[in-house]
Amino acid sequence: MVVETKLSNLLLKLNRLKLMPRTGWLLCGVTPAAAEDVAQHSFEVAAITMFLIEGLSREGGKIDRERALSMAILHDWAEAEVADFPYTARKYLKPTGAKEQMEQAALVDLLRGLPEREKFLELWKEYREGKTTEAKLVHAADYLSIMVQGIRYREQGIRSREIKELWQAVKRDLKPYAKEFKNIDQLIKELNLAFFSPSTF
């Protein structure tokens, strides 16, 4: 017999995300007190996903709105158990896929006994595979959130080499999505102008 997870226990674990800094910003010279936390990032990813869905719908594209938004909300839940790994850590996580395997195992434990466990795990796996339109939009939103936050830090005076390198890396990772979705391409151009605007120097 499977013992159901108490929802209160799961919510208390997810609440940790409000206390967990996005460590990549620390490596860019952002102070711990000013560093965005994982919960703030997840909210922004969900908001950006919502706007990308609207843009795609205006162009006649088809998308499962509920699936995409659910994916955006839960895409970083595993970090409640394993914490946040910065962008620069990827090259040290060997073999390829080690991070995904660790996060999947953490999410399995986090959701153990929850009635909706399989549904949430399938959404996370779909996001990680990044093949469906819904998953692609959430991945793009994840990167776009980094760009938005990067602009905020530039406005606050962060001028490190690392933040510029992160910006360029994120732009490279967004290229496939920019080619596929017009509204993403336009948003990247607008954010790039804002990042390099004289007001952020």
N, C-alpha and C. Protein backbone atom coordinates (compact mmCIF):
# COMPACT_ATOMS: atom_id res chain seq x y z
N MET A 1 0.84 -1.21 0.00
CA MET A 1 0.00 0.00 0.00
C MET A 1 0.87 1.25 0.00
N VAL A 2 0.59 2.18 -0.91
CA VAL A 2 1.36 3.42 -1.01
C VAL A 2 0.78 4.45 -0.05
N VAL A 3 1.65 5.00 0.77
CA VAL A 3 1.22 6.04 1.70
C VAL A 3 1.28 7.38 0.98
N GLU A 4 0.17 8.08 0.95
CA GLU A 4 0.14 9.36 0.25
C GLU A 4 0.95 10.42 0.98
N THR A 5 1.67 11.22 0.21
CA THR A 5 2.41 12.33 0.77
C THR A 5 1.42 13.39 1.25
N LYS A 6 1.66 13.91 2.43
CA LYS A 6 0.83 15.02 2.89
C LYS A 6 1.19 16.25 2.07
N LEU A 7 0.18 16.88 1.53
CA LEU A 7 0.43 18.06 0.69
C LEU A 7 1.17 19.12 1.48
N SER A 8 0.88 19.22 2.78
CA SER A 8 1.57 20.23 3.60
C SER A 8 3.07 20.00 3.63
N ASN A 9 3.50 18.72 3.67
CA ASN A 9 4.93 18.41 3.68
C ASN A 9 5.59 18.81 2.36
N LEU A 10 4.90 18.53 1.25
CA LEU A 10 5.44 18.90 -0.05
C LEU A 10 5.55 20.42 -0.17
N LEU A 11 4.53 21.13 0.27
CA LEU A 11 4.55 22.59 0.17
C LEU A 11 5.67 23.19 1.01
N LEU A 12 5.93 22.60 2.18
CA LEU A 12 7.02 23.09 3.02
C LEU A 12 8.37 22.88 2.34
N LYS A 13 8.51 21.77 1.62
CA LYS A 13 9.76 21.53 0.89
C LYS A 13 9.90 22.51 -0.28
N LEU A 14 8.82 22.72 -1.01
CA LEU A 14 8.87 23.66 -2.13
C LEU A 14 9.12 25.08 -1.64
N ASN A 15 8.70 25.39 -0.42
CA ASN A 15 8.94 26.70 0.16
C ASN A 15 10.43 27.02 0.28
N ARG A 16 11.26 25.98 0.32
CA ARG A 16 12.72 26.19 0.38
C ARG A 16 13.21 26.99 -0.83
N LEU A 17 12.50 26.89 -1.94
CA LEU A 17 12.93 27.57 -3.16
C LEU A 17 12.95 29.09 -2.98
N LYS A 18 12.18 29.59 -2.01
CA LYS A 18 12.19 31.03 -1.71
C LYS A 18 13.48 31.45 -1.01
N LEU A 19 14.20 30.48 -0.46
CA LEU A 19 15.42 30.76 0.28
C LEU A 19 16.68 30.37 -0.49
N MET A 20 16.48 29.85 -1.70
CA MET A 20 17.60 29.29 -2.45
C MET A 20 18.05 30.24 -3.55
N PRO A 21 19.22 30.85 -3.39
CA PRO A 21 19.68 31.80 -4.42
C PRO A 21 20.05 31.09 -5.72
N ARG A 22 19.88 31.79 -6.81
CA ARG A 22 20.33 31.31 -8.11
C ARG A 22 21.83 31.56 -8.15
N THR A 23 22.61 30.51 -7.98
CA THR A 23 24.04 30.65 -7.73
C THR A 23 24.82 31.25 -8.89
N GLY A 24 24.28 31.13 -10.09
CA GLY A 24 24.97 31.73 -11.24
C GLY A 24 25.15 33.22 -11.08
N TRP A 25 24.18 33.88 -10.45
CA TRP A 25 24.29 35.33 -10.24
C TRP A 25 25.39 35.66 -9.25
N LEU A 26 25.61 34.80 -8.28
CA LEU A 26 26.69 35.03 -7.32
C LEU A 26 28.04 35.02 -8.05
N LEU A 27 28.17 34.11 -9.03
CA LEU A 27 29.41 34.03 -9.80
C LEU A 27 29.58 35.24 -10.72
N CYS A 28 28.49 35.96 -10.97
CA CYS A 28 28.55 37.17 -11.80
C CYS A 28 28.83 38.42 -10.98
N GLY A 29 28.98 38.27 -9.67
CA GLY A 29 29.29 39.42 -8.83
C GLY A 29 28.10 40.00 -8.09
N VAL A 30 26.96 39.35 -8.16
CA VAL A 30 25.78 39.80 -7.43
C VAL A 30 25.93 39.36 -5.98
N THR A 31 25.59 40.21 -5.03
CA THR A 31 25.72 39.86 -3.62
C THR A 31 24.65 38.84 -3.24
N PRO A 32 24.90 38.01 -2.22
CA PRO A 32 23.89 37.04 -1.78
C PRO A 32 22.55 37.70 -1.43
N ALA A 33 22.60 38.88 -0.85
CA ALA A 33 21.36 39.57 -0.45
C ALA A 33 20.54 39.99 -1.67
N ALA A 34 21.22 40.28 -2.79
CA ALA A 34 20.53 40.76 -3.99
C ALA A 34 20.23 39.66 -4.99
N ALA A 35 20.75 38.47 -4.74
CA ALA A 35 20.60 37.39 -5.71
C ALA A 35 19.15 36.92 -5.80
N GLU A 36 18.68 36.78 -7.02
CA GLU A 36 17.36 36.23 -7.28
C GLU A 36 17.27 34.82 -6.71
N ASP A 37 16.13 34.45 -6.12
CA ASP A 37 15.98 33.08 -5.65
C ASP A 37 15.23 32.23 -6.68
N VAL A 38 15.23 30.93 -6.46
CA VAL A 38 14.65 30.00 -7.44
C VAL A 38 13.15 30.23 -7.59
N ALA A 39 12.46 30.54 -6.50
CA ALA A 39 11.01 30.77 -6.57
C ALA A 39 10.70 32.01 -7.41
N GLN A 40 11.49 33.06 -7.26
CA GLN A 40 11.29 34.27 -8.07
C GLN A 40 11.50 33.95 -9.55
N HIS A 41 12.54 33.19 -9.82
CA HIS A 41 12.82 32.80 -11.21
C HIS A 41 11.66 31.97 -11.78
N SER A 42 11.15 31.02 -11.00
CA SER A 42 10.06 30.17 -11.47
C SER A 42 8.81 30.99 -11.79
N PHE A 43 8.51 31.99 -10.95
CA PHE A 43 7.38 32.85 -11.23
C PHE A 43 7.57 33.57 -12.56
N GLU A 44 8.78 34.09 -12.78
CA GLU A 44 9.03 34.84 -14.00
C GLU A 44 8.95 33.94 -15.23
N VAL A 45 9.46 32.71 -15.11
CA VAL A 45 9.37 31.76 -16.22
C VAL A 45 7.91 31.49 -16.57
N ALA A 46 7.07 31.31 -15.55
CA ALA A 46 5.65 31.07 -15.79
C ALA A 46 4.99 32.28 -16.47
N ALA A 47 5.35 33.49 -16.02
CA ALA A 47 4.78 34.70 -16.61
C ALA A 47 5.21 34.84 -18.07
N ILE A 48 6.50 34.62 -18.34
CA ILE A 48 6.99 34.72 -19.72
C ILE A 48 6.33 33.66 -20.59
N THR A 49 6.19 32.45 -20.07
CA THR A 49 5.53 31.38 -20.81
C THR A 49 4.11 31.80 -21.20
N MET A 50 3.40 32.43 -20.26
CA MET A 50 2.04 32.88 -20.55
C MET A 50 2.02 33.85 -21.72
N PHE A 51 2.96 34.79 -21.73
CA PHE A 51 3.00 35.77 -22.82
C PHE A 51 3.43 35.13 -24.14
N LEU A 52 4.34 34.16 -24.08
CA LEU A 52 4.75 33.45 -25.31
C LEU A 52 3.59 32.65 -25.88
N ILE A 53 2.78 32.05 -25.00
CA ILE A 53 1.59 31.32 -25.45
C ILE A 53 0.65 32.26 -26.19
N GLU A 54 0.43 33.45 -25.62
CA GLU A 54 -0.46 34.42 -26.26
C GLU A 54 0.07 34.83 -27.64
N GLY A 55 1.38 35.06 -27.72
CA GLY A 55 1.99 35.43 -28.99
C GLY A 55 1.85 34.34 -30.04
N LEU A 56 2.07 33.11 -29.62
CA LEU A 56 1.96 31.98 -30.53
C LEU A 56 0.51 31.82 -31.00
N SER A 57 -0.43 31.99 -30.08
CA SER A 57 -1.86 31.87 -30.42
C SER A 57 -2.28 32.92 -31.43
N ARG A 58 -1.76 34.14 -31.28
CA ARG A 58 -2.09 35.21 -32.23
C ARG A 58 -1.61 34.87 -33.63
N GLU A 59 -0.53 34.11 -33.72
CA GLU A 59 0.02 33.71 -35.02
C GLU A 59 -0.64 32.45 -35.56
N GLY A 60 -1.64 31.93 -34.83
CA GLY A 60 -2.35 30.75 -35.30
C GLY A 60 -1.75 29.44 -34.85
N GLY A 61 -0.75 29.51 -33.96
CA GLY A 61 -0.13 28.28 -33.47
C GLY A 61 -1.01 27.57 -32.46
N LYS A 62 -0.84 26.26 -32.36
CA LYS A 62 -1.62 25.46 -31.42
C LYS A 62 -0.73 25.04 -30.26
N ILE A 63 -1.27 25.16 -29.05
CA ILE A 63 -0.51 24.80 -27.86
C ILE A 63 -1.47 24.46 -26.73
N ASP A 64 -1.06 23.52 -25.90
CA ASP A 64 -1.83 23.16 -24.71
C ASP A 64 -1.42 24.11 -23.59
N ARG A 65 -2.23 25.13 -23.37
CA ARG A 65 -1.91 26.20 -22.41
C ARG A 65 -1.67 25.65 -21.00
N GLU A 66 -2.58 24.80 -20.54
CA GLU A 66 -2.46 24.28 -19.19
C GLU A 66 -1.18 23.47 -19.02
N ARG A 67 -0.87 22.65 -20.02
CA ARG A 67 0.33 21.81 -19.94
C ARG A 67 1.60 22.68 -19.90
N ALA A 68 1.65 23.70 -20.74
CA ALA A 68 2.83 24.57 -20.78
C ALA A 68 3.01 25.32 -19.46
N LEU A 69 1.93 25.88 -18.92
CA LEU A 69 2.04 26.63 -17.68
C LEU A 69 2.38 25.73 -16.50
N SER A 70 1.81 24.53 -16.47
CA SER A 70 2.14 23.58 -15.40
C SER A 70 3.62 23.21 -15.47
N MET A 71 4.11 23.01 -16.68
CA MET A 71 5.52 22.68 -16.89
C MET A 71 6.42 23.81 -16.39
N ALA A 72 6.02 25.05 -16.67
CA ALA A 72 6.80 26.20 -16.25
C ALA A 72 6.86 26.30 -14.73
N ILE A 73 5.74 26.04 -14.09
CA ILE A 73 5.68 26.14 -12.63
C ILE A 73 6.55 25.09 -11.96
N LEU A 74 6.57 23.87 -12.48
CA LEU A 74 7.28 22.79 -11.78
C LEU A 74 8.68 22.50 -12.31
N HIS A 75 9.14 23.24 -13.32
CA HIS A 75 10.39 22.84 -13.98
C HIS A 75 11.61 22.83 -13.06
N ASP A 76 11.59 23.61 -11.97
CA ASP A 76 12.73 23.66 -11.05
C ASP A 76 12.41 23.08 -9.67
N TRP A 77 11.32 22.34 -9.54
CA TRP A 77 10.96 21.79 -8.24
C TRP A 77 12.06 20.91 -7.64
N ALA A 78 12.76 20.16 -8.47
CA ALA A 78 13.81 19.27 -7.97
C ALA A 78 14.87 20.02 -7.17
N GLU A 79 15.04 21.31 -7.47
CA GLU A 79 16.04 22.10 -6.77
C GLU A 79 15.72 22.30 -5.30
N ALA A 80 14.48 22.00 -4.90
CA ALA A 80 14.13 22.02 -3.48
C ALA A 80 14.89 20.94 -2.72
N GLU A 81 15.37 19.91 -3.44
CA GLU A 81 16.14 18.83 -2.82
C GLU A 81 17.63 18.88 -3.15
N VAL A 82 17.98 19.38 -4.36
CA VAL A 82 19.39 19.31 -4.78
C VAL A 82 20.04 20.68 -4.93
N ALA A 83 19.28 21.75 -4.73
CA ALA A 83 19.77 23.13 -4.86
C ALA A 83 20.01 23.49 -6.32
N ASP A 84 20.46 24.71 -6.53
CA ASP A 84 20.63 25.26 -7.88
C ASP A 84 22.06 25.08 -8.36
N PHE A 85 22.22 24.62 -9.59
CA PHE A 85 23.53 24.51 -10.20
C PHE A 85 23.69 25.63 -11.22
N PRO A 86 24.76 26.41 -11.15
CA PRO A 86 24.92 27.53 -12.08
C PRO A 86 25.20 27.06 -13.50
N TYR A 87 24.97 27.96 -14.43
CA TYR A 87 25.20 27.71 -15.86
C TYR A 87 26.59 27.15 -16.11
N THR A 88 27.59 27.71 -15.41
CA THR A 88 28.98 27.32 -15.64
C THR A 88 29.31 25.92 -15.12
N ALA A 89 28.43 25.34 -14.31
CA ALA A 89 28.70 24.01 -13.74
C ALA A 89 28.45 22.89 -14.73
N ARG A 90 27.74 23.21 -15.81
CA ARG A 90 27.34 22.15 -16.76
C ARG A 90 28.52 21.33 -17.28
N LYS A 91 29.61 22.02 -17.60
CA LYS A 91 30.74 21.29 -18.20
C LYS A 91 31.43 20.35 -17.22
N TYR A 92 31.16 20.53 -15.92
CA TYR A 92 31.78 19.67 -14.91
C TYR A 92 30.89 18.51 -14.50
N LEU A 93 29.64 18.53 -14.93
CA LEU A 93 28.70 17.46 -14.57
C LEU A 93 28.81 16.34 -15.59
N LYS A 94 29.67 15.38 -15.28
CA LYS A 94 29.93 14.25 -16.17
C LYS A 94 29.42 12.97 -15.52
N PRO A 95 28.97 12.01 -16.32
CA PRO A 95 28.81 12.06 -17.76
C PRO A 95 27.64 12.95 -18.17
N THR A 96 27.51 13.16 -19.47
CA THR A 96 26.40 13.97 -19.96
C THR A 96 25.08 13.38 -19.47
N GLY A 97 24.24 14.26 -18.96
CA GLY A 97 22.95 13.81 -18.44
C GLY A 97 22.94 13.55 -16.95
N ALA A 98 24.10 13.70 -16.30
CA ALA A 98 24.18 13.43 -14.85
C ALA A 98 23.26 14.36 -14.07
N LYS A 99 23.22 15.63 -14.47
CA LYS A 99 22.36 16.61 -13.77
C LYS A 99 20.89 16.20 -13.88
N GLU A 100 20.48 15.82 -15.08
CA GLU A 100 19.09 15.43 -15.30
C GLU A 100 18.73 14.18 -14.50
N GLN A 101 19.66 13.22 -14.42
CA GLN A 101 19.41 12.00 -13.66
C GLN A 101 19.26 12.31 -12.18
N MET A 102 20.11 13.17 -11.68
CA MET A 102 20.05 13.56 -10.28
C MET A 102 18.74 14.28 -9.97
N GLU A 103 18.37 15.21 -10.85
CA GLU A 103 17.13 15.98 -10.64
C GLU A 103 15.90 15.09 -10.74
N GLN A 104 15.91 14.14 -11.65
CA GLN A 104 14.78 13.22 -11.77
C GLN A 104 14.63 12.40 -10.50
N ALA A 105 15.75 11.88 -9.98
CA ALA A 105 15.70 11.09 -8.75
C ALA A 105 15.18 11.94 -7.59
N ALA A 106 15.61 13.19 -7.54
CA ALA A 106 15.15 14.09 -6.48
C ALA A 106 13.66 14.36 -6.59
N LEU A 107 13.19 14.55 -7.83
CA LEU A 107 11.77 14.83 -8.04
C LEU A 107 10.91 13.60 -7.69
N VAL A 108 11.42 12.42 -8.02
CA VAL A 108 10.71 11.18 -7.67
C VAL A 108 10.53 11.11 -6.15
N ASP A 109 11.59 11.41 -5.41
CA ASP A 109 11.50 11.39 -3.94
C ASP A 109 10.57 12.49 -3.44
N LEU A 110 10.67 13.65 -4.02
CA LEU A 110 9.87 14.79 -3.58
C LEU A 110 8.38 14.51 -3.72
N LEU A 111 8.01 13.82 -4.80
CA LEU A 111 6.60 13.58 -5.12
C LEU A 111 6.10 12.21 -4.66
N ARG A 112 6.96 11.44 -3.99
CA ARG A 112 6.60 10.07 -3.63
C ARG A 112 5.28 10.02 -2.85
N GLY A 113 4.36 9.18 -3.33
CA GLY A 113 3.08 9.01 -2.66
C GLY A 113 2.02 10.03 -3.05
N LEU A 114 2.41 11.06 -3.80
CA LEU A 114 1.44 12.08 -4.22
C LEU A 114 0.53 11.50 -5.30
N PRO A 115 -0.78 11.68 -5.21
CA PRO A 115 -1.68 11.10 -6.22
C PRO A 115 -1.35 11.55 -7.64
N GLU A 116 -0.87 12.78 -7.80
CA GLU A 116 -0.57 13.32 -9.14
C GLU A 116 0.88 13.08 -9.55
N ARG A 117 1.58 12.24 -8.82
CA ARG A 117 3.02 12.04 -9.03
C ARG A 117 3.38 11.75 -10.48
N GLU A 118 2.74 10.77 -11.08
CA GLU A 118 3.09 10.37 -12.44
C GLU A 118 2.82 11.49 -13.44
N LYS A 119 1.73 12.21 -13.23
CA LYS A 119 1.39 13.33 -14.11
C LYS A 119 2.50 14.39 -14.06
N PHE A 120 2.95 14.73 -12.84
CA PHE A 120 3.98 15.76 -12.69
C PHE A 120 5.33 15.28 -13.22
N LEU A 121 5.64 14.01 -13.00
CA LEU A 121 6.91 13.46 -13.51
C LEU A 121 6.92 13.47 -15.04
N GLU A 122 5.79 13.14 -15.65
CA GLU A 122 5.72 13.15 -17.11
C GLU A 122 5.90 14.56 -17.66
N LEU A 123 5.31 15.54 -16.98
CA LEU A 123 5.49 16.93 -17.40
C LEU A 123 6.96 17.33 -17.33
N TRP A 124 7.64 16.95 -16.24
CA TRP A 124 9.05 17.29 -16.07
C TRP A 124 9.90 16.61 -17.14
N LYS A 125 9.60 15.34 -17.41
CA LYS A 125 10.36 14.62 -18.45
C LYS A 125 10.15 15.25 -19.82
N GLU A 126 8.92 15.66 -20.09
CA GLU A 126 8.63 16.33 -21.36
C GLU A 126 9.43 17.63 -21.47
N TYR A 127 9.50 18.36 -20.36
CA TYR A 127 10.28 19.59 -20.35
C TYR A 127 11.76 19.29 -20.62
N ARG A 128 12.31 18.29 -19.93
CA ARG A 128 13.73 17.98 -20.09
C ARG A 128 14.04 17.55 -21.53
N GLU A 129 13.13 16.79 -22.14
CA GLU A 129 13.38 16.33 -23.52
C GLU A 129 13.29 17.48 -24.51
N GLY A 130 12.45 18.46 -24.21
CA GLY A 130 12.39 19.69 -25.01
C GLY A 130 11.95 19.52 -26.45
N LYS A 131 11.09 18.56 -26.73
CA LYS A 131 10.70 18.29 -28.12
C LYS A 131 9.33 18.87 -28.49
N THR A 132 8.43 18.96 -27.53
CA THR A 132 7.09 19.47 -27.83
C THR A 132 7.09 21.00 -27.86
N THR A 133 6.08 21.55 -28.49
CA THR A 133 5.95 23.02 -28.53
C THR A 133 5.89 23.58 -27.12
N GLU A 134 5.15 22.92 -26.23
CA GLU A 134 5.02 23.39 -24.85
C GLU A 134 6.38 23.42 -24.16
N ALA A 135 7.14 22.35 -24.31
CA ALA A 135 8.46 22.28 -23.68
C ALA A 135 9.42 23.32 -24.26
N LYS A 136 9.36 23.51 -25.55
CA LYS A 136 10.23 24.51 -26.18
C LYS A 136 9.95 25.91 -25.66
N LEU A 137 8.66 26.25 -25.51
CA LEU A 137 8.32 27.58 -25.00
C LEU A 137 8.82 27.77 -23.58
N VAL A 138 8.70 26.73 -22.75
CA VAL A 138 9.16 26.85 -21.36
C VAL A 138 10.69 26.96 -21.31
N HIS A 139 11.39 26.20 -22.13
CA HIS A 139 12.85 26.33 -22.19
C HIS A 139 13.24 27.75 -22.61
N ALA A 140 12.56 28.26 -23.62
CA ALA A 140 12.86 29.63 -24.07
C ALA A 140 12.57 30.62 -22.95
N ALA A 141 11.45 30.43 -22.26
CA ALA A 141 11.09 31.33 -21.15
C ALA A 141 12.14 31.27 -20.04
N ASP A 142 12.69 30.09 -19.80
CA ASP A 142 13.73 29.91 -18.79
C ASP A 142 14.95 30.78 -19.13
N TYR A 143 15.36 30.74 -20.39
CA TYR A 143 16.50 31.56 -20.83
C TYR A 143 16.15 33.05 -20.84
N LEU A 144 14.96 33.37 -21.30
CA LEU A 144 14.55 34.78 -21.36
C LEU A 144 14.48 35.40 -19.97
N SER A 145 14.12 34.61 -18.98
CA SER A 145 14.11 35.10 -17.60
C SER A 145 15.51 35.50 -17.16
N ILE A 146 16.51 34.74 -17.58
CA ILE A 146 17.90 35.10 -17.26
C ILE A 146 18.25 36.45 -17.89
N MET A 147 17.80 36.67 -19.11
CA MET A 147 18.09 37.94 -19.79
C MET A 147 17.41 39.11 -19.06
N VAL A 148 16.16 38.93 -18.67
CA VAL A 148 15.45 39.99 -17.96
C VAL A 148 16.16 40.33 -16.66
N GLN A 149 16.54 39.30 -15.90
CA GLN A 149 17.22 39.54 -14.63
C GLN A 149 18.61 40.14 -14.86
N GLY A 150 19.26 39.71 -15.93
CA GLY A 150 20.57 40.28 -16.25
C GLY A 150 20.51 41.78 -16.50
N ILE A 151 19.45 42.22 -17.16
CA ILE A 151 19.26 43.65 -17.40
C ILE A 151 19.10 44.40 -16.07
N ARG A 152 18.32 43.81 -15.16
CA ARG A 152 18.13 44.43 -13.84
C ARG A 152 19.46 44.59 -13.10
N TYR A 153 20.30 43.56 -13.18
CA TYR A 153 21.59 43.65 -12.49
C TYR A 153 22.52 44.65 -13.16
N ARG A 154 22.45 44.75 -14.47
CA ARG A 154 23.24 45.77 -15.17
C ARG A 154 22.81 47.16 -14.72
N GLU A 155 21.50 47.35 -14.59
CA GLU A 155 20.98 48.64 -14.13
C GLU A 155 21.45 48.96 -12.71
N GLN A 156 21.72 47.92 -11.93
CA GLN A 156 22.18 48.10 -10.55
C GLN A 156 23.70 48.23 -10.45
N GLY A 157 24.36 48.20 -11.61
CA GLY A 157 25.80 48.46 -11.61
C GLY A 157 26.70 47.25 -11.73
N ILE A 158 26.14 46.06 -11.98
CA ILE A 158 26.97 44.86 -12.15
C ILE A 158 27.60 44.90 -13.54
N ARG A 159 28.91 44.99 -13.60
CA ARG A 159 29.62 45.14 -14.88
C ARG A 159 30.64 44.03 -15.10
N SER A 160 30.46 42.91 -14.45
CA SER A 160 31.47 41.85 -14.48
C SER A 160 31.60 41.21 -15.86
N ARG A 161 32.77 40.65 -16.10
CA ARG A 161 32.99 39.89 -17.33
C ARG A 161 32.05 38.68 -17.36
N GLU A 162 31.80 38.09 -16.18
CA GLU A 162 30.96 36.89 -16.11
C GLU A 162 29.53 37.15 -16.55
N ILE A 163 29.00 38.32 -16.21
CA ILE A 163 27.62 38.59 -16.60
C ILE A 163 27.51 38.79 -18.12
N LYS A 164 28.54 39.35 -18.73
CA LYS A 164 28.56 39.49 -20.19
C LYS A 164 28.68 38.12 -20.85
N GLU A 165 29.52 37.25 -20.27
CA GLU A 165 29.67 35.90 -20.83
C GLU A 165 28.38 35.11 -20.70
N LEU A 166 27.70 35.26 -19.57
CA LEU A 166 26.43 34.58 -19.38
C LEU A 166 25.42 35.07 -20.41
N TRP A 167 25.40 36.36 -20.65
CA TRP A 167 24.46 36.93 -21.63
C TRP A 167 24.67 36.32 -23.01
N GLN A 168 25.92 36.24 -23.42
CA GLN A 168 26.23 35.68 -24.74
C GLN A 168 25.88 34.19 -24.81
N ALA A 169 26.12 33.45 -23.72
CA ALA A 169 25.81 32.02 -23.69
C ALA A 169 24.30 31.79 -23.81
N VAL A 170 23.54 32.62 -23.11
CA VAL A 170 22.08 32.49 -23.15
C VAL A 170 21.56 32.82 -24.55
N LYS A 171 22.12 33.85 -25.17
CA LYS A 171 21.71 34.19 -26.54
C LYS A 171 21.98 33.03 -27.50
N ARG A 172 23.12 32.36 -27.33
CA ARG A 172 23.44 31.20 -28.19
C ARG A 172 22.41 30.08 -27.98
N ASP A 173 22.05 29.84 -26.72
CA ASP A 173 21.11 28.77 -26.42
C ASP A 173 19.70 29.09 -26.91
N LEU A 174 19.40 30.36 -27.08
CA LEU A 174 18.08 30.77 -27.53
C LEU A 174 17.93 30.75 -29.06
N LYS A 175 19.01 30.62 -29.78
CA LYS A 175 18.95 30.69 -31.24
C LYS A 175 17.95 29.73 -31.88
N PRO A 176 17.91 28.45 -31.46
CA PRO A 176 16.93 27.55 -32.09
C PRO A 176 15.49 27.99 -31.87
N TYR A 177 15.21 28.55 -30.69
CA TYR A 177 13.85 28.99 -30.40
C TYR A 177 13.51 30.27 -31.16
N ALA A 178 14.50 31.13 -31.34
CA ALA A 178 14.29 32.36 -32.11
C ALA A 178 13.98 32.05 -33.57
N LYS A 179 14.59 31.00 -34.10
CA LYS A 179 14.33 30.61 -35.48
C LYS A 179 12.93 30.04 -35.65
N GLU A 180 12.46 29.37 -34.62
CA GLU A 180 11.16 28.69 -34.72
C GLU A 180 9.98 29.59 -34.37
N PHE A 181 10.19 30.54 -33.45
CA PHE A 181 9.08 31.37 -32.97
C PHE A 181 9.40 32.85 -33.16
N LYS A 182 8.59 33.53 -33.96
CA LYS A 182 8.83 34.95 -34.26
C LYS A 182 8.79 35.83 -33.02
N ASN A 183 7.84 35.57 -32.12
CA ASN A 183 7.72 36.44 -30.96
C ASN A 183 8.92 36.32 -30.03
N ILE A 184 9.56 35.15 -30.01
CA ILE A 184 10.77 34.98 -29.20
C ILE A 184 11.92 35.74 -29.83
N ASP A 185 12.06 35.66 -31.14
CA ASP A 185 13.11 36.39 -31.85
C ASP A 185 13.00 37.88 -31.59
N GLN A 186 11.79 38.42 -31.66
CA GLN A 186 11.58 39.84 -31.43
C GLN A 186 11.91 40.23 -29.99
N LEU A 187 11.52 39.39 -29.04
CA LEU A 187 11.78 39.68 -27.63
C LEU A 187 13.27 39.67 -27.33
N ILE A 188 14.00 38.74 -27.92
CA ILE A 188 15.46 38.70 -27.73
C ILE A 188 16.10 39.99 -28.22
N LYS A 189 15.67 40.46 -29.37
CA LYS A 189 16.22 41.71 -29.93
C LYS A 189 15.95 42.89 -28.99
N GLU A 190 14.74 42.96 -28.45
CA GLU A 190 14.40 44.05 -27.54
C GLU A 190 15.22 43.98 -26.25
N LEU A 191 15.37 42.78 -25.71
CA LEU A 191 16.14 42.62 -24.47
C LEU A 191 17.62 42.90 -24.70
N ASN A 192 18.12 42.53 -25.86
CA ASN A 192 19.53 42.79 -26.17
C ASN A 192 19.80 44.29 -26.24
N LEU A 193 18.87 45.02 -26.84
CA LEU A 193 19.01 46.48 -26.89
C LEU A 193 19.01 47.08 -25.49
N ALA A 194 18.15 46.56 -24.63
CA ALA A 194 18.06 47.06 -23.26
C ALA A 194 19.34 46.75 -22.49
N PHE A 195 19.91 45.57 -22.70
CA PHE A 195 21.12 45.18 -21.97
C PHE A 195 22.30 46.08 -22.33
N PHE A 196 22.39 46.44 -23.61
CA PHE A 196 23.51 47.25 -24.06
C PHE A 196 23.18 48.75 -24.18
N SER A 197 22.03 49.13 -23.63
CA SER A 197 21.63 50.53 -23.64
C SER A 197 22.58 51.36 -22.78
N PRO A 198 22.84 52.60 -23.19
CA PRO A 198 23.71 53.46 -22.36
C PRO A 198 23.24 53.59 -20.92
N SER A 199 21.94 53.45 -20.69
CA SER A 199 21.41 53.59 -19.33
C SER A 199 21.82 52.45 -18.41
N THR A 200 22.27 51.32 -18.99
CA THR A 200 22.72 50.21 -18.16
C THR A 200 24.24 50.21 -17.96
N PHE A 201 24.89 51.26 -18.43
CA PHE A 201 26.36 51.34 -18.26
C PHE A 201 26.71 52.38 -17.21
